Amino acid sequence: MASEALHKFVCLCRYLQDPCHVARFQQFCGVRGTFPKKTAEADAKLAVNGAYAGQCQEDRAASGDSAHGLAGQRLRKSLNAAGNDEQDESPADFLNGPSGQEAERDSKGRVKPLRRNSLTGEVGQEFIIENKFLFYLFTIGTELGNEMFFIVFFPFLMWNVDPYVSRQLIVVWAWVLFFGQSTKDLIRWTRPASPPVIKVEVFYNTEYSMPSTHAMTGTAMPFCLFMLTCSRWEYPFMIGLSAALFWSVLVCISRVYMGMHSVLEVIIGFLYSVLILAVLHPMLADIDMFYLSHSYAPLVVLLVHVGFSLVAFSLDSWSTSRGDTAQALATAAGAALACRLNHQLGLQPDPPEEALPLTLPLIDGALLTRSIMRLLVGVAVLLAVRAAMKVVAIPLACKIFGVPSDDVRKARQHAQVELAYRFIVYGTVAYCCAFLVPLLFSFLGLS
């Protein structure tokens, strides 16, 4: 019985890992590829629903037997070849591009994948969007799991809503990213094959794929935010729960739409983040109090965050995920040190327990204006600090570690340079966000 149940479970995992499910979902949502078409045999391999029958049948056969192993469980190709994977695939695969009058009609509708990665230089292959509403909806969804969103989200929460909640959310975000990215580097599954999958986004294409860290942060953040605020602020319980669920589902589905993850990887990412959140959430108040008041907290913060960044860099060869992990840990370290200084100086005190639950303020023109001004001024300061620190960080790190600095891409592929760069830049930005910018607000009368 146990072996039969295990066999069925493995078959289900193989089925959910099949890239053809991703391709079908993309086609259903109006995403069409422009893979070139060479031979007439390709047409015979296309199923009625547009899926590449030959490939999908092989994957389905593998679901019943272990001849081909788990779909997608392949070692990643070298970084130099990553940018050419899509163009070098056999054009007889999936979703062949339009020809003749159809190609002429659709030529203006072709777009490039979102956000070219400046470090890898990968630009991806053109595709056609037939449903713009879903394209914009899932683009918003995938941005809700991107680091750039959190660079704006955390400051807004800290400056305009509740610093207490923001501090604890940053802790969860950093460790969810660390565990997710590290697990990717241990499992080492590549992204869904293209063809048949269309890469609507290529920014993270050179990273490993299992589990989806977008699904992890896109699940952990809204549900942690809901759990931290539902008893701290007065608002309808079902509205908060529904908003968290919508946020999570939108991010998870968007990763399949973008062609970045299989269904299995998104499900595992969702469940993995729930597990991490279940372990971390009961400890958040104690962690926050330790960071704010313990005499050894600054040393522990630096040692733990730098130490785990070194662990992440040692798990595998270079990819952009190393820098993302270090960036999250650096941000959490900078924010923790700054919030500790605020606590020591009596700045931004948390409301007393007898004042809880807090009542939502009346949203009027004055409140909106002040909030928008804080966000605009604060983000402008953070962007200026980030730009200034970027100018300093890489040459400084290269000089310290004896790495040539004439080629920034190559220089940042050295672990010591990338690690120093992330901690210098984003640790400083987070420190300014939590300490210096609120002081500026007081000086400008925006507190």
Protein backbone atom coordinates (compact mmCIF):
# COMPACT_ATOMS: atom_id res chain seq x y z
CA MET A 1 0.00 0.00 0.00
CA ALA A 2 2.75 2.44 0.96
CA SER A 3 4.75 1.76 -2.19
CA GLU A 4 1.65 2.13 -4.34
CA ALA A 5 0.76 5.44 -2.70
CA LEU A 6 4.33 6.64 -3.17
CA HIS A 7 4.23 5.61 -6.83
CA LYS A 8 0.99 7.55 -7.36
CA PHE A 9 2.46 10.57 -5.61
CA VAL A 10 5.57 10.49 -7.82
CA CYS A 11 3.38 10.16 -10.92
CA LEU A 12 1.31 13.15 -9.80
CA CYS A 13 4.48 15.20 -9.30
CA ARG A 14 5.72 14.28 -12.77
CA TYR A 15 2.36 15.21 -14.23
CA LEU A 16 2.34 18.62 -12.52
CA GLN A 17 5.94 19.25 -13.62
CA ASP A 18 5.07 18.74 -17.31
CA PRO A 19 5.93 21.97 -19.19
CA CYS A 20 3.04 21.37 -21.58
CA HIS A 21 0.59 22.36 -18.84
CA VAL A 22 2.36 25.72 -18.65
CA ALA A 23 2.25 26.07 -22.45
CA ARG A 24 -1.46 25.24 -22.60
CA PHE A 25 -2.25 27.73 -19.87
CA GLN A 26 -0.30 30.40 -21.70
CA GLN A 27 -2.16 29.69 -24.92
CA PHE A 28 -5.48 29.75 -23.07
CA CYS A 29 -4.53 33.20 -21.73
CA GLY A 30 -3.68 34.50 -25.21
CA VAL A 31 0.12 34.19 -25.24
CA ARG A 32 1.42 32.93 -28.59
CA GLY A 33 5.01 32.16 -29.47
CA THR A 34 6.97 33.16 -32.55
CA PHE A 35 9.16 30.08 -32.79
CA PRO A 36 10.25 29.65 -36.44
CA LYS A 37 8.84 26.83 -38.54
CA LYS A 38 11.17 24.68 -40.66
CA THR A 39 9.51 21.51 -41.84
CA ALA A 40 6.07 20.21 -42.63
CA GLU A 41 6.58 17.49 -40.07
CA ALA A 42 6.18 20.07 -37.35
CA ASP A 43 2.53 20.59 -38.27
CA ALA A 44 1.83 16.92 -37.82
CA LYS A 45 3.20 17.05 -34.29
CA LEU A 46 0.86 19.83 -33.20
CA ALA A 47 -2.17 18.62 -31.32
CA VAL A 48 -5.62 20.08 -31.96
CA ASN A 49 -5.34 22.29 -28.87
CA GLY A 50 -2.01 23.66 -30.02
CA ALA A 51 0.21 21.65 -27.71
CA TYR A 52 3.30 19.92 -28.98
CA ALA A 53 1.96 16.39 -29.06
CA GLY A 54 5.30 14.60 -29.39
CA GLN A 55 6.81 16.25 -26.35
CA CYS A 56 3.68 16.04 -24.23
CA GLN A 57 3.17 12.37 -25.02
CA GLU A 58 6.74 11.65 -23.96
CA ASP A 59 6.17 13.51 -20.69
CA ARG A 60 2.91 11.67 -20.06
CA ALA A 61 4.63 8.37 -20.73
CA ALA A 62 7.29 9.34 -18.24
CA SER A 63 4.53 9.89 -15.69
CA GLY A 64 3.73 6.21 -15.73
CA ASP A 65 7.35 5.02 -15.80
CA SER A 66 10.59 6.48 -14.54
CA ALA A 67 12.39 6.10 -17.86
CA HIS A 68 12.90 9.80 -18.38
CA GLY A 69 12.86 10.86 -14.72
CA LEU A 70 11.02 13.85 -13.37
CA ALA A 71 10.29 16.33 -16.13
CA GLY A 72 12.49 19.35 -15.75
CA GLN A 73 15.00 17.68 -13.44
CA ARG A 74 18.07 18.55 -15.47
CA LEU A 75 21.30 20.24 -14.55
CA ARG A 76 21.33 23.86 -15.62
CA LYS A 77 23.16 24.73 -18.82
CA SER A 78 26.11 27.07 -18.61
CA LEU A 79 25.41 30.76 -18.21
CA ASN A 80 26.90 31.55 -21.59
CA ALA A 81 24.44 29.26 -23.31
CA ALA A 82 21.45 30.41 -21.27
CA GLY A 83 20.64 33.39 -23.44
CA ASN A 84 20.52 31.23 -26.57
CA ASP A 85 18.46 28.33 -25.27
CA GLU A 86 15.20 29.52 -26.76
CA GLN A 87 16.58 30.38 -30.16
CA ASP A 88 18.64 27.19 -30.50
CA GLU A 89 15.73 24.83 -29.78
CA SER A 90 14.25 22.90 -32.63
CA PRO A 91 11.69 25.15 -34.33
CA ALA A 92 9.47 22.14 -34.89
CA ASP A 93 8.43 22.22 -31.29
CA PHE A 94 5.49 24.22 -29.89
CA LEU A 95 3.34 27.18 -30.89
CA ASN A 96 4.92 27.93 -34.25
CA GLY A 97 4.86 31.55 -35.24
CA PRO A 98 2.38 32.92 -37.75
CA SER A 99 3.16 33.00 -41.44
CA GLY A 100 1.90 34.85 -44.53
CA GLN A 101 -1.00 37.22 -43.98
CA GLU A 102 -1.30 36.18 -40.36
CA ALA A 103 2.32 37.14 -39.66
CA GLU A 104 1.78 40.50 -41.35
CA ARG A 105 -1.29 41.11 -39.25
CA ASP A 106 0.42 40.19 -35.97
CA SER A 107 3.81 41.74 -36.58
CA LYS A 108 2.90 44.91 -34.66
CA GLY A 109 1.64 42.88 -31.72
CA ARG A 110 4.96 41.22 -31.02
CA VAL A 111 6.68 42.15 -27.78
CA LYS A 112 9.89 41.20 -26.05
CA PRO A 113 10.07 39.47 -22.64
CA LEU A 114 9.83 41.70 -19.59
CA ARG A 115 12.94 43.10 -17.89
CA ARG A 116 16.17 42.10 -19.57
CA ASN A 117 18.77 40.97 -17.06
CA SER A 118 21.70 43.38 -17.24
CA LEU A 119 24.12 40.88 -15.72
CA THR A 120 23.37 37.99 -18.09
CA GLY A 121 22.46 40.06 -21.16
CA GLU A 122 19.61 37.67 -21.97
CA VAL A 123 16.79 39.33 -23.94
CA GLY A 124 14.62 36.34 -24.90
CA GLN A 125 12.45 35.72 -27.94
CA GLU A 126 9.48 37.74 -29.17
CA PHE A 127 5.93 36.58 -28.50
CA ILE A 128 2.41 37.76 -29.28
CA ILE A 129 -0.13 38.89 -26.68
CA GLU A 130 -3.75 38.36 -27.70
CA ASN A 131 -5.33 39.18 -24.32
CA LYS A 132 -3.84 42.42 -23.01
CA PHE A 133 -5.99 42.47 -19.87
CA LEU A 134 -4.53 39.18 -18.64
CA PHE A 135 -1.06 40.29 -19.68
CA TYR A 136 -1.28 43.45 -17.54
CA LEU A 137 -3.00 41.60 -14.68
CA PHE A 138 -0.33 38.91 -14.43
CA THR A 139 2.44 41.46 -14.95
CA ILE A 140 1.14 43.24 -11.85
CA GLY A 141 0.93 39.85 -10.13
CA THR A 142 4.53 38.95 -10.83
CA GLU A 143 5.70 42.41 -9.73
CA LEU A 144 4.04 41.78 -6.34
CA GLY A 145 6.70 39.13 -5.78
CA ASN A 146 9.66 41.10 -7.11
CA GLU A 147 12.29 42.75 -4.94
CA MET A 148 11.58 46.14 -6.54
CA PHE A 149 8.02 46.03 -5.21
CA PHE A 150 9.24 45.39 -1.69
CA ILE A 151 11.75 48.25 -1.98
CA VAL A 152 8.70 50.54 -2.18
CA PHE A 153 6.29 48.47 -0.06
CA PHE A 154 8.40 48.22 3.10
CA PRO A 155 9.22 51.95 3.27
CA PHE A 156 5.57 52.86 2.69
CA LEU A 157 4.53 50.52 5.49
CA MET A 158 7.24 51.85 7.81
CA TRP A 159 6.68 55.55 7.11
CA ASN A 160 2.89 55.66 6.73
CA VAL A 161 1.32 52.69 8.49
CA ASP A 162 3.09 50.75 11.25
CA PRO A 163 6.87 50.43 11.84
CA TYR A 164 6.27 47.47 14.18
CA VAL A 165 4.62 45.44 11.42
CA SER A 166 7.20 46.54 8.86
CA ARG A 167 10.12 45.37 11.04
CA GLN A 168 8.70 41.90 11.42
CA LEU A 169 7.69 41.58 7.79
CA ILE A 170 11.25 42.36 6.69
CA VAL A 171 12.51 39.52 8.89
CA VAL A 172 10.08 37.07 7.29
CA TRP A 173 10.84 38.31 3.76
CA ALA A 174 14.60 37.91 4.20
CA TRP A 175 14.46 34.39 5.59
CA VAL A 176 11.80 33.17 3.17
CA LEU A 177 14.02 34.33 0.32
CA PHE A 178 17.10 32.75 1.88
CA PHE A 179 15.47 29.35 2.35
CA GLY A 180 13.78 29.47 -1.05
CA GLN A 181 16.87 30.45 -3.02
CA SER A 182 19.08 28.02 -1.12
CA THR A 183 16.64 25.19 -1.75
CA LYS A 184 16.74 26.02 -5.46
CA ASP A 185 20.51 25.65 -5.47
CA LEU A 186 20.32 22.32 -3.68
CA ILE A 187 17.62 20.78 -5.91
CA ARG A 188 18.90 22.35 -9.17
CA TRP A 189 15.91 22.01 -11.47
CA THR A 190 15.97 24.20 -14.54
CA ARG A 191 13.16 26.42 -15.78
CA PRO A 192 10.37 24.88 -17.91
CA ALA A 193 11.66 24.01 -21.39
CA SER A 194 11.19 26.57 -24.15
CA PRO A 195 9.71 25.43 -26.51
CA PRO A 196 7.01 24.48 -25.62
CA VAL A 197 6.87 27.18 -22.93
CA ILE A 198 7.01 30.85 -23.94
CA LYS A 199 9.27 32.97 -21.74
CA VAL A 200 7.23 36.10 -21.12
CA GLU A 201 9.87 37.05 -18.55
CA VAL A 202 13.59 36.25 -18.72
CA PHE A 203 15.06 38.23 -15.81
CA TYR A 204 15.34 35.12 -13.60
CA ASN A 205 15.69 32.59 -16.41
CA THR A 206 19.26 31.58 -15.53
CA GLU A 207 18.33 30.72 -11.95
CA TYR A 208 17.12 27.32 -10.82
CA SER A 209 13.41 26.76 -10.59
CA MET A 210 12.29 24.59 -7.65
CA PRO A 211 10.60 26.00 -5.59
CA SER A 212 9.11 29.26 -6.88
CA THR A 213 10.45 31.99 -4.60
CA HIS A 214 7.90 34.39 -6.11
CA ALA A 215 5.18 32.06 -4.89
CA MET A 216 6.93 31.89 -1.51
CA THR A 217 7.23 35.65 -0.95
CA GLY A 218 3.87 36.25 -2.64
CA THR A 219 2.30 33.92 -0.06
CA ALA A 220 4.33 34.65 3.07
CA MET A 221 4.09 38.44 2.82
CA PRO A 222 0.32 38.94 2.52
CA PHE A 223 -0.56 36.24 5.04
CA CYS A 224 2.06 37.41 7.52
CA LEU A 225 0.81 40.98 7.07
CA PHE A 226 -2.72 39.77 7.72
CA MET A 227 -1.74 37.79 10.83
CA LEU A 228 0.26 40.70 12.26
CA THR A 229 -2.47 43.29 11.72
CA CYS A 230 -5.74 41.40 12.27
CA SER A 231 -5.42 41.67 16.07
CA ARG A 232 -3.44 44.91 16.07
CA TRP A 233 -5.73 47.00 13.87
CA GLU A 234 -9.50 47.18 13.70
CA TYR A 235 -10.72 46.13 10.27
CA PRO A 236 -13.07 43.42 8.91
CA PHE A 237 -11.46 40.00 9.25
CA MET A 238 -12.82 38.63 5.95
CA ILE A 239 -11.61 41.65 3.98
CA GLY A 240 -8.07 41.14 5.24
CA LEU A 241 -8.15 37.39 4.60
CA SER A 242 -9.62 37.84 1.12
CA ALA A 243 -6.99 40.45 0.21
CA ALA A 244 -4.17 38.16 1.38
CA LEU A 245 -5.60 35.22 -0.56
CA PHE A 246 -6.07 37.28 -3.73
CA TRP A 247 -2.50 38.62 -3.51
CA SER A 248 -1.09 35.11 -3.07
CA VAL A 249 -3.13 33.47 -5.84
CA LEU A 250 -2.37 36.28 -8.29
CA VAL A 251 1.39 35.98 -7.73
CA CYS A 252 1.33 32.18 -7.97
CA ILE A 253 -0.67 32.04 -11.20
CA SER A 254 1.41 34.82 -12.73
CA ARG A 255 4.55 32.68 -12.51
CA VAL A 256 2.96 30.00 -14.67
CA TYR A 257 1.71 32.66 -17.10
CA MET A 258 5.23 34.12 -17.35
CA GLY A 259 6.63 30.69 -18.22
CA MET A 260 9.01 30.78 -15.28
CA HIS A 261 7.63 27.87 -13.26
CA SER A 262 5.72 24.64 -13.62
CA VAL A 263 2.51 24.00 -11.69
CA LEU A 264 4.39 21.73 -9.28
CA GLU A 265 7.02 24.36 -8.49
CA VAL A 266 4.37 26.95 -7.68
CA ILE A 267 2.46 24.54 -5.42
CA ILE A 268 5.65 23.55 -3.59
CA GLY A 269 6.59 27.23 -3.21
CA PHE A 270 3.20 27.99 -1.70
CA LEU A 271 3.37 25.09 0.77
CA TYR A 272 7.02 25.75 1.64
CA SER A 273 6.28 29.37 2.54
CA VAL A 274 3.34 28.28 4.70
CA LEU A 275 5.68 25.92 6.58
CA ILE A 276 8.33 28.63 7.09
CA LEU A 277 5.70 31.13 8.20
CA ALA A 278 4.23 28.63 10.66
CA VAL A 279 7.67 28.28 12.27
CA LEU A 280 8.69 31.96 12.16
CA HIS A 281 5.46 33.73 13.08
CA PRO A 282 5.30 32.64 16.75
CA MET A 283 8.91 33.84 17.21
CA LEU A 284 8.62 37.23 15.51
CA ALA A 285 7.83 39.23 18.64
CA ASP A 286 10.79 37.68 20.49
CA ILE A 287 13.13 38.27 17.54
CA ASP A 288 11.99 41.88 17.31
CA MET A 289 12.54 42.45 21.04
CA PHE A 290 16.00 40.86 20.85
CA TYR A 291 17.00 43.09 17.94
CA LEU A 292 15.78 46.21 19.72
CA SER A 293 17.10 45.72 23.22
CA HIS A 294 19.73 43.00 23.63
CA SER A 295 23.28 44.26 24.07
CA TYR A 296 24.72 41.65 21.70
CA ALA A 297 22.07 42.16 19.02
CA PRO A 298 24.20 44.21 16.56
CA LEU A 299 26.98 41.61 16.58
CA VAL A 300 24.53 38.73 16.23
CA VAL A 301 22.69 40.46 13.37
CA LEU A 302 25.88 41.05 11.40
CA LEU A 303 27.33 37.59 12.01
CA VAL A 304 24.11 35.75 11.19
CA HIS A 305 23.20 37.71 8.07
CA VAL A 306 26.71 37.81 6.61
CA GLY A 307 27.27 34.17 7.57
CA PHE A 308 24.15 32.90 5.86
CA SER A 309 24.96 35.02 2.80
CA LEU A 310 28.29 33.18 2.59
CA VAL A 311 26.42 29.89 2.86
CA ALA A 312 24.20 30.90 -0.05
CA PHE A 313 27.20 31.82 -2.19
CA SER A 314 28.85 28.46 -1.52
CA LEU A 315 25.91 26.29 -2.62
CA ASP A 316 26.47 26.47 -6.37
CA SER A 317 28.21 28.27 -9.22
CA TRP A 318 27.40 31.92 -9.89
CA SER A 319 23.91 33.04 -10.76
CA THR A 320 21.79 36.09 -10.01
CA SER A 321 20.08 34.30 -7.10
CA ARG A 322 23.22 34.66 -4.94
CA GLY A 323 22.98 38.44 -5.12
CA ASP A 324 19.23 38.45 -4.47
CA THR A 325 19.73 36.36 -1.32
CA ALA A 326 22.52 38.62 -0.07
CA GLN A 327 20.43 41.69 -0.89
CA ALA A 328 17.52 40.47 1.23
CA LEU A 329 19.78 39.58 4.17
CA ALA A 330 21.64 42.89 3.86
CA THR A 331 18.35 44.80 3.86
CA ALA A 332 17.15 42.94 6.94
CA ALA A 333 20.46 43.59 8.73
CA GLY A 334 20.47 47.31 7.90
CA ALA A 335 16.85 47.71 8.97
CA ALA A 336 17.43 45.81 12.23
CA LEU A 337 20.41 47.99 13.19
CA ALA A 338 18.57 51.20 12.33
CA CYS A 339 15.43 50.22 14.24
CA ARG A 340 17.59 49.36 17.24
CA LEU A 341 19.07 52.87 17.13
CA ASN A 342 15.56 54.34 16.90
CA HIS A 343 14.57 52.34 19.99
CA GLN A 344 17.67 53.44 21.93
CA LEU A 345 17.02 57.12 21.09
CA GLY A 346 13.28 56.91 21.76
CA LEU A 347 12.35 57.62 18.14
CA GLN A 348 9.25 56.08 16.51
CA PRO A 349 8.02 54.41 19.72
CA ASP A 350 5.46 51.63 19.38
CA PRO A 351 2.01 52.35 20.87
CA PRO A 352 1.46 50.82 24.33
CA GLU A 353 -0.42 47.53 24.55
CA GLU A 354 -3.40 49.18 26.26
CA ALA A 355 -3.90 51.30 23.11
CA LEU A 356 -4.45 48.18 21.00
CA PRO A 357 -6.27 47.48 18.77
CA LEU A 358 -5.52 50.58 16.76
CA THR A 359 -8.28 52.31 14.84
CA LEU A 360 -7.84 53.03 11.16
CA PRO A 361 -7.55 56.80 10.64
CA LEU A 362 -10.01 58.75 8.57
CA ILE A 363 -8.56 58.94 5.07
CA ASP A 364 -8.91 62.54 3.95
CA GLY A 365 -7.06 64.88 1.62
CA ALA A 366 -4.56 66.01 4.24
CA LEU A 367 -3.63 62.46 5.21
CA LEU A 368 -3.26 61.38 1.58
CA THR A 369 -1.14 64.41 0.73
CA ARG A 370 1.17 63.86 3.70
CA SER A 371 1.52 60.14 2.93
CA ILE A 372 2.27 60.75 -0.74
CA MET A 373 4.80 63.45 0.12
CA ARG A 374 6.55 61.14 2.59
CA LEU A 375 6.70 58.39 -0.01
CA LEU A 376 7.99 60.65 -2.80
CA VAL A 377 10.58 62.41 -0.68
CA GLY A 378 11.67 59.24 1.07
CA VAL A 379 11.98 57.10 -2.05
CA ALA A 380 13.89 59.90 -3.80
CA VAL A 381 16.37 59.96 -0.91
CA LEU A 382 16.72 56.16 -0.99
CA LEU A 383 17.31 56.14 -4.73
CA ALA A 384 19.95 58.85 -4.36
CA VAL A 385 21.66 56.91 -1.56
CA ARG A 386 21.55 53.71 -3.61
CA ALA A 387 23.04 55.44 -6.66
CA ALA A 388 25.82 57.00 -4.59
CA MET A 389 26.66 53.76 -2.82
CA LYS A 390 26.73 51.84 -6.12
CA VAL A 391 29.39 54.22 -7.42
CA VAL A 392 31.51 53.53 -4.35
CA ALA A 393 30.77 49.88 -3.56
CA ILE A 394 32.02 47.94 -6.60
CA PRO A 395 35.36 49.78 -7.08
CA LEU A 396 35.97 49.58 -3.34
CA ALA A 397 35.21 45.84 -3.20
CA CYS A 398 37.35 45.18 -6.28
CA LYS A 399 40.25 47.10 -4.76
CA ILE A 400 39.97 45.26 -1.43
CA PHE A 401 39.80 41.79 -2.98
CA GLY A 402 42.15 42.43 -5.91
CA VAL A 403 39.56 41.89 -8.64
CA PRO A 404 39.77 43.85 -11.94
CA SER A 405 37.00 46.46 -12.04
CA ASP A 406 37.02 47.30 -15.76
CA ASP A 407 34.20 44.79 -16.49
CA VAL A 408 31.43 45.14 -13.88
CA ARG A 409 29.64 41.97 -15.00
CA LYS A 410 32.72 39.81 -14.52
CA ALA A 411 33.68 41.57 -11.31
CA ARG A 412 30.28 40.89 -9.75
CA GLN A 413 30.58 37.20 -10.55
CA HIS A 414 33.21 37.01 -7.81
CA ALA A 415 31.40 36.08 -4.61
CA GLN A 416 33.37 38.43 -2.39
CA VAL A 417 32.70 41.42 -4.66
CA GLU A 418 28.99 40.69 -5.04
CA LEU A 419 28.55 40.05 -1.33
CA ALA A 420 30.35 43.24 -0.34
CA TYR A 421 28.45 45.22 -2.97
CA ARG A 422 25.03 44.01 -1.75
CA PHE A 423 25.76 44.66 1.92
CA ILE A 424 27.32 48.07 1.36
CA VAL A 425 24.55 49.29 -0.95
CA TYR A 426 21.38 47.72 0.42
CA GLY A 427 22.45 47.63 4.05
CA THR A 428 23.02 51.39 3.83
CA VAL A 429 19.73 51.96 1.99
CA ALA A 430 17.78 50.02 4.62
CA TYR A 431 19.56 51.89 7.42
CA CYS A 432 18.62 55.22 5.84
CA CYS A 433 15.06 54.04 5.32
CA ALA A 434 14.51 53.17 8.97
CA PHE A 435 16.56 55.89 10.67
CA LEU A 436 17.69 58.86 8.55
CA VAL A 437 14.58 59.35 6.39
CA PRO A 438 12.18 59.57 9.39
CA LEU A 439 14.52 62.21 10.87
CA LEU A 440 14.27 64.10 7.58
CA PHE A 441 10.48 63.90 7.79
CA SER A 442 10.61 65.50 11.24
CA PHE A 443 12.83 68.27 9.92
CA LEU A 444 10.45 68.90 6.96
CA GLY A 445 7.30 68.73 9.08
CA LEU A 446 6.06 65.54 7.41
CA SER A 447 5.98 63.35 10.54
